[in-house]
N, C-alpha and C. Protein backbone atom coordinates (compact mmCIF):
# COMPACT_ATOMS: atom_id res chain seq x y z
N MET A 1 -49.22 -78.26 20.02
CA MET A 1 -48.15 -79.30 19.81
C MET A 1 -46.76 -78.64 19.37
N ALA A 2 -46.83 -77.74 18.43
CA ALA A 2 -45.61 -77.00 18.05
C ALA A 2 -44.86 -76.30 19.11
N LEU A 3 -45.78 -75.55 19.94
CA LEU A 3 -45.15 -74.73 21.02
C LEU A 3 -44.58 -75.74 22.12
N ALA A 4 -45.30 -76.74 22.41
CA ALA A 4 -44.81 -77.74 23.34
C ALA A 4 -43.40 -78.34 22.93
N LYS A 5 -43.31 -78.67 21.57
CA LYS A 5 -42.27 -79.31 20.95
C LYS A 5 -40.96 -78.29 21.13
N ALA A 6 -41.33 -76.93 20.82
CA ALA A 6 -40.27 -75.88 20.82
C ALA A 6 -39.75 -75.74 22.31
N LYS A 7 -40.64 -75.75 23.19
CA LYS A 7 -40.32 -75.54 24.65
C LYS A 7 -39.49 -76.77 25.19
N GLU A 8 -39.90 -77.99 24.75
CA GLU A 8 -39.17 -79.21 25.07
C GLU A 8 -37.74 -79.11 24.56
N LEU A 9 -37.64 -78.74 23.24
CA LEU A 9 -36.23 -78.68 22.71
C LEU A 9 -35.36 -77.50 23.46
N VAL A 10 -35.93 -76.47 23.81
CA VAL A 10 -35.25 -75.41 24.42
C VAL A 10 -34.86 -75.86 25.93
N SER A 11 -35.77 -76.60 26.62
CA SER A 11 -35.49 -76.91 27.91
C SER A 11 -34.44 -78.21 28.01
N SER A 12 -34.32 -78.87 26.93
CA SER A 12 -33.44 -80.10 27.04
C SER A 12 -32.10 -79.92 26.34
N ASN A 13 -31.82 -78.70 25.78
CA ASN A 13 -30.53 -78.40 25.13
C ASN A 13 -30.01 -77.10 25.69
N PRO A 14 -28.74 -76.99 25.99
CA PRO A 14 -28.07 -75.71 26.48
C PRO A 14 -28.31 -74.63 25.53
N VAL A 15 -28.19 -74.84 24.16
CA VAL A 15 -28.35 -73.93 23.08
C VAL A 15 -29.07 -74.47 22.03
N VAL A 16 -30.17 -73.77 21.62
CA VAL A 16 -30.87 -74.16 20.42
C VAL A 16 -30.98 -72.96 19.45
N VAL A 17 -30.68 -73.35 18.12
CA VAL A 17 -30.84 -72.30 17.11
C VAL A 17 -31.96 -72.80 16.22
N PHE A 18 -33.17 -72.08 16.15
CA PHE A 18 -34.25 -72.36 15.22
C PHE A 18 -33.71 -71.67 13.87
N SER A 19 -33.66 -72.35 12.81
CA SER A 19 -32.92 -71.81 11.72
C SER A 19 -33.64 -72.27 10.52
N LYS A 20 -33.15 -71.76 9.29
CA LYS A 20 -33.60 -72.30 7.93
C LYS A 20 -32.28 -72.49 7.30
N SER A 21 -32.20 -73.57 6.55
CA SER A 21 -30.92 -74.01 6.01
C SER A 21 -30.39 -73.01 4.90
N TYR A 22 -31.39 -72.25 4.38
CA TYR A 22 -30.89 -71.23 3.31
C TYR A 22 -30.70 -69.82 3.78
N CYS A 23 -30.95 -69.65 5.01
CA CYS A 23 -30.83 -68.22 5.59
C CYS A 23 -29.49 -67.90 5.91
N PRO A 24 -29.00 -66.77 5.24
CA PRO A 24 -27.51 -66.42 5.44
C PRO A 24 -27.39 -65.86 6.88
N PHE A 25 -28.31 -65.30 7.56
CA PHE A 25 -28.15 -64.89 8.89
C PHE A 25 -27.98 -66.05 9.86
N CYS A 26 -28.71 -67.08 9.49
CA CYS A 26 -28.72 -68.38 10.34
C CYS A 26 -27.33 -68.98 10.22
N VAL A 27 -26.91 -69.06 8.91
CA VAL A 27 -25.52 -69.66 8.73
C VAL A 27 -24.44 -68.83 9.51
N THR A 28 -24.50 -67.50 9.56
CA THR A 28 -23.53 -66.71 10.30
C THR A 28 -23.69 -67.02 11.74
N VAL A 29 -24.79 -67.12 12.31
CA VAL A 29 -24.88 -67.47 13.79
C VAL A 29 -24.39 -68.74 14.06
N LYS A 30 -24.68 -69.87 13.24
CA LYS A 30 -24.18 -71.14 13.55
C LYS A 30 -22.68 -71.22 13.40
N GLN A 31 -22.16 -70.46 12.40
CA GLN A 31 -20.59 -70.37 12.24
C GLN A 31 -20.01 -69.76 13.43
N LEU A 32 -20.66 -68.75 13.96
CA LEU A 32 -20.13 -67.95 15.13
C LEU A 32 -20.11 -68.94 16.39
N LEU A 33 -21.20 -69.68 16.54
CA LEU A 33 -21.24 -70.56 17.69
C LEU A 33 -20.12 -71.67 17.52
N THR A 34 -20.02 -72.14 16.27
CA THR A 34 -19.01 -73.18 16.03
C THR A 34 -17.62 -72.65 16.34
N GLN A 35 -17.27 -71.34 15.87
CA GLN A 35 -16.05 -70.82 16.12
C GLN A 35 -15.71 -70.64 17.53
N LEU A 36 -16.81 -70.30 18.37
CA LEU A 36 -16.55 -70.18 19.74
C LEU A 36 -16.41 -71.48 20.58
N GLY A 37 -16.69 -72.55 19.79
CA GLY A 37 -16.51 -73.88 20.26
C GLY A 37 -17.72 -74.36 21.10
N ALA A 38 -18.79 -73.76 20.78
CA ALA A 38 -20.12 -74.05 21.58
C ALA A 38 -20.84 -75.24 20.99
N THR A 39 -21.43 -76.06 21.77
CA THR A 39 -22.19 -77.08 21.27
C THR A 39 -23.60 -76.55 21.26
N PHE A 40 -24.36 -76.83 20.19
CA PHE A 40 -25.68 -76.35 20.08
C PHE A 40 -26.48 -77.22 19.17
N LYS A 41 -27.87 -77.17 19.32
CA LYS A 41 -28.79 -77.94 18.47
C LYS A 41 -29.42 -77.00 17.52
N ALA A 42 -29.18 -77.30 16.23
CA ALA A 42 -29.83 -76.50 15.18
C ALA A 42 -31.10 -77.15 14.72
N ILE A 43 -32.16 -76.47 14.80
CA ILE A 43 -33.50 -77.10 14.12
C ILE A 43 -33.73 -76.29 12.85
N GLU A 44 -33.59 -76.99 11.70
CA GLU A 44 -33.81 -76.30 10.44
C GLU A 44 -35.27 -76.42 10.14
N LEU A 45 -35.98 -75.25 10.34
CA LEU A 45 -37.47 -75.30 10.19
C LEU A 45 -37.87 -75.66 8.82
N ASP A 46 -37.11 -75.33 7.77
CA ASP A 46 -37.47 -75.61 6.39
C ASP A 46 -37.37 -77.13 6.03
N ASN A 47 -36.63 -77.88 7.01
CA ASN A 47 -36.54 -79.28 6.82
C ASN A 47 -37.47 -80.14 7.79
N GLU A 48 -38.09 -79.43 8.67
CA GLU A 48 -39.09 -80.10 9.60
C GLU A 48 -40.45 -80.17 9.05
N SER A 49 -41.17 -81.24 9.20
CA SER A 49 -42.46 -81.39 8.74
C SER A 49 -43.39 -80.40 9.36
N ASP A 50 -43.15 -80.09 10.60
CA ASP A 50 -43.98 -79.06 11.36
C ASP A 50 -43.22 -77.65 11.47
N GLY A 51 -42.23 -77.39 10.59
CA GLY A 51 -41.43 -76.24 10.65
C GLY A 51 -42.24 -74.91 10.69
N ALA A 52 -43.16 -74.90 9.90
CA ALA A 52 -44.08 -73.62 9.83
C ALA A 52 -44.80 -73.51 11.12
N GLN A 53 -45.33 -74.52 11.69
CA GLN A 53 -46.12 -74.40 12.93
C GLN A 53 -45.19 -73.95 14.04
N ILE A 54 -44.00 -74.57 14.11
CA ILE A 54 -42.92 -74.30 15.13
C ILE A 54 -42.58 -72.85 14.90
N GLN A 55 -42.38 -72.27 13.79
CA GLN A 55 -42.01 -70.82 13.48
C GLN A 55 -43.22 -69.93 14.12
N SER A 56 -44.50 -70.36 13.85
CA SER A 56 -45.58 -69.52 14.31
C SER A 56 -45.62 -69.66 15.83
N ALA A 57 -45.37 -70.90 16.47
CA ALA A 57 -45.34 -70.96 17.86
C ALA A 57 -44.18 -70.12 18.52
N LEU A 58 -43.08 -70.06 17.94
CA LEU A 58 -41.97 -69.27 18.35
C LEU A 58 -42.32 -67.75 18.22
N ALA A 59 -43.03 -67.41 17.27
CA ALA A 59 -43.51 -65.98 17.21
C ALA A 59 -44.40 -65.56 18.33
N GLU A 60 -45.36 -66.59 18.69
CA GLU A 60 -46.23 -66.35 19.79
C GLU A 60 -45.50 -66.28 21.16
N TRP A 61 -44.52 -67.12 21.20
CA TRP A 61 -43.74 -67.31 22.46
C TRP A 61 -42.82 -66.14 22.75
N THR A 62 -42.01 -65.78 21.69
CA THR A 62 -40.90 -64.81 21.86
C THR A 62 -41.20 -63.44 21.21
N GLY A 63 -42.28 -63.37 20.39
CA GLY A 63 -42.54 -62.11 19.70
C GLY A 63 -41.60 -61.90 18.50
N GLN A 64 -40.84 -62.88 18.16
CA GLN A 64 -39.97 -62.88 17.04
C GLN A 64 -40.28 -63.92 16.05
N ARG A 65 -40.70 -63.61 14.78
CA ARG A 65 -41.08 -64.54 13.85
C ARG A 65 -39.84 -65.03 13.01
N THR A 66 -38.87 -64.10 12.87
CA THR A 66 -37.71 -64.44 12.00
C THR A 66 -36.71 -65.33 12.54
N VAL A 67 -35.99 -65.95 11.70
CA VAL A 67 -34.87 -66.75 12.07
C VAL A 67 -33.53 -66.04 11.80
N PRO A 68 -32.55 -66.32 12.49
CA PRO A 68 -32.30 -67.34 13.50
C PRO A 68 -33.05 -66.82 14.93
N ASN A 69 -33.70 -67.88 15.51
CA ASN A 69 -34.25 -67.64 16.84
C ASN A 69 -33.43 -68.46 17.78
N VAL A 70 -32.69 -67.80 18.60
CA VAL A 70 -31.80 -68.48 19.41
C VAL A 70 -32.02 -68.44 20.92
N PHE A 71 -31.81 -69.62 21.58
CA PHE A 71 -32.10 -69.81 23.00
C PHE A 71 -30.68 -70.25 23.59
N ILE A 72 -30.32 -69.63 24.75
CA ILE A 72 -29.27 -70.08 25.55
C ILE A 72 -29.73 -70.30 26.96
N GLY A 73 -29.43 -71.46 27.45
CA GLY A 73 -29.91 -71.67 28.85
C GLY A 73 -31.36 -71.40 29.06
N GLY A 74 -32.10 -71.70 28.06
CA GLY A 74 -33.67 -71.56 28.13
C GLY A 74 -34.14 -70.08 27.90
N ASN A 75 -33.16 -69.17 27.72
CA ASN A 75 -33.59 -67.79 27.37
C ASN A 75 -33.38 -67.47 25.99
N HIS A 76 -34.42 -66.73 25.45
CA HIS A 76 -34.38 -66.24 24.11
C HIS A 76 -33.39 -65.02 24.06
N ILE A 77 -32.43 -65.09 23.19
CA ILE A 77 -31.37 -64.09 23.08
C ILE A 77 -31.18 -63.53 21.69
N ASP A 78 -30.45 -62.31 21.64
CA ASP A 78 -30.15 -61.71 20.53
C ASP A 78 -28.53 -61.89 20.43
N THR A 79 -28.29 -62.81 19.49
CA THR A 79 -26.85 -63.36 19.42
C THR A 79 -25.91 -62.19 18.98
N LYS A 80 -26.25 -61.52 17.91
CA LYS A 80 -25.35 -60.41 17.49
C LYS A 80 -25.00 -59.34 18.48
N ALA A 81 -26.10 -58.90 19.18
CA ALA A 81 -26.05 -57.86 20.10
C ALA A 81 -25.17 -58.37 21.31
N LEU A 82 -25.43 -59.50 21.90
CA LEU A 82 -24.67 -60.11 23.05
C LEU A 82 -23.17 -60.23 22.67
N ASN A 83 -22.93 -60.74 21.32
CA ASN A 83 -21.58 -60.94 21.02
C ASN A 83 -20.86 -59.63 20.98
N LYS A 84 -21.47 -58.63 20.38
CA LYS A 84 -20.78 -57.29 20.32
C LYS A 84 -20.52 -56.73 21.77
N GLN A 85 -21.37 -57.03 22.71
CA GLN A 85 -21.21 -56.57 24.09
C GLN A 85 -20.22 -57.47 24.81
N GLY A 86 -19.74 -58.64 24.19
CA GLY A 86 -18.83 -59.44 24.87
C GLY A 86 -19.52 -60.35 25.86
N LYS A 87 -20.82 -60.42 25.79
CA LYS A 87 -21.60 -61.24 26.79
C LYS A 87 -21.92 -62.60 26.35
N LEU A 88 -21.71 -62.94 25.01
CA LEU A 88 -22.10 -64.12 24.46
C LEU A 88 -21.29 -65.36 24.96
N VAL A 89 -20.05 -65.27 25.00
CA VAL A 89 -19.18 -66.39 25.53
C VAL A 89 -19.49 -66.69 26.99
N PRO A 90 -19.51 -65.67 27.85
CA PRO A 90 -19.94 -66.00 29.32
C PRO A 90 -21.22 -66.75 29.49
N LEU A 91 -22.24 -66.27 28.55
CA LEU A 91 -23.51 -66.85 28.66
C LEU A 91 -23.59 -68.33 28.25
N LEU A 92 -22.71 -68.61 27.06
CA LEU A 92 -22.46 -69.96 26.52
C LEU A 92 -21.83 -70.81 27.57
N THR A 93 -20.88 -70.33 28.27
CA THR A 93 -20.17 -71.00 29.24
C THR A 93 -20.97 -71.29 30.47
N GLU A 94 -21.80 -70.38 30.90
CA GLU A 94 -22.71 -70.64 32.03
C GLU A 94 -23.75 -71.66 31.70
N ALA A 95 -24.16 -71.70 30.37
CA ALA A 95 -25.15 -72.68 29.94
C ALA A 95 -24.52 -74.07 29.77
N GLY A 96 -23.23 -74.18 29.87
CA GLY A 96 -22.59 -75.46 29.71
C GLY A 96 -22.34 -75.82 28.26
N ALA A 97 -22.53 -74.84 27.42
CA ALA A 97 -22.33 -75.10 25.89
C ALA A 97 -20.77 -75.01 25.49
N ILE A 98 -20.01 -74.28 26.29
CA ILE A 98 -18.58 -74.09 26.09
C ILE A 98 -17.94 -74.58 27.38
N ALA A 99 -16.95 -75.40 27.25
CA ALA A 99 -16.10 -75.94 28.36
C ALA A 99 -15.43 -74.73 29.06
N LYS A 100 -15.41 -74.69 30.34
CA LYS A 100 -14.68 -73.61 31.03
C LYS A 100 -13.16 -73.98 30.84
N SER A 101 -12.33 -72.96 30.51
CA SER A 101 -11.00 -73.35 30.29
C SER A 101 -10.31 -73.46 31.73
N SER A 102 -9.42 -74.33 31.80
CA SER A 102 -8.81 -74.62 33.19
C SER A 102 -7.49 -73.75 33.34
N SER A 103 -7.24 -73.02 32.32
CA SER A 103 -5.97 -72.04 32.35
C SER A 103 -6.23 -70.81 33.04
N SER A 104 -7.39 -70.66 33.61
CA SER A 104 -7.77 -69.24 34.16
C SER A 104 -7.14 -68.90 35.45
């Protein structure tokens, strides 16, 4: 059930951040996405009744148990690495989470 729920959330949203409300790394990633003007869905696993099951399902699916666990355009990504490489904004734009600027 939890894996199906996680996959449904990922497939129905351009950007999903599986997070915990008290996690400083999660806060940083959500702030970064907000600063970039990206729309995203944050799932606070510590506030979800099945949060532990979803976290275990994500570990099975992605090999990553820790949060933040971020998906853009259905793909599991490393937010910090992509941002450092300058690839995060193009990926967010491609996924439709950031509006393309008309001034290009």
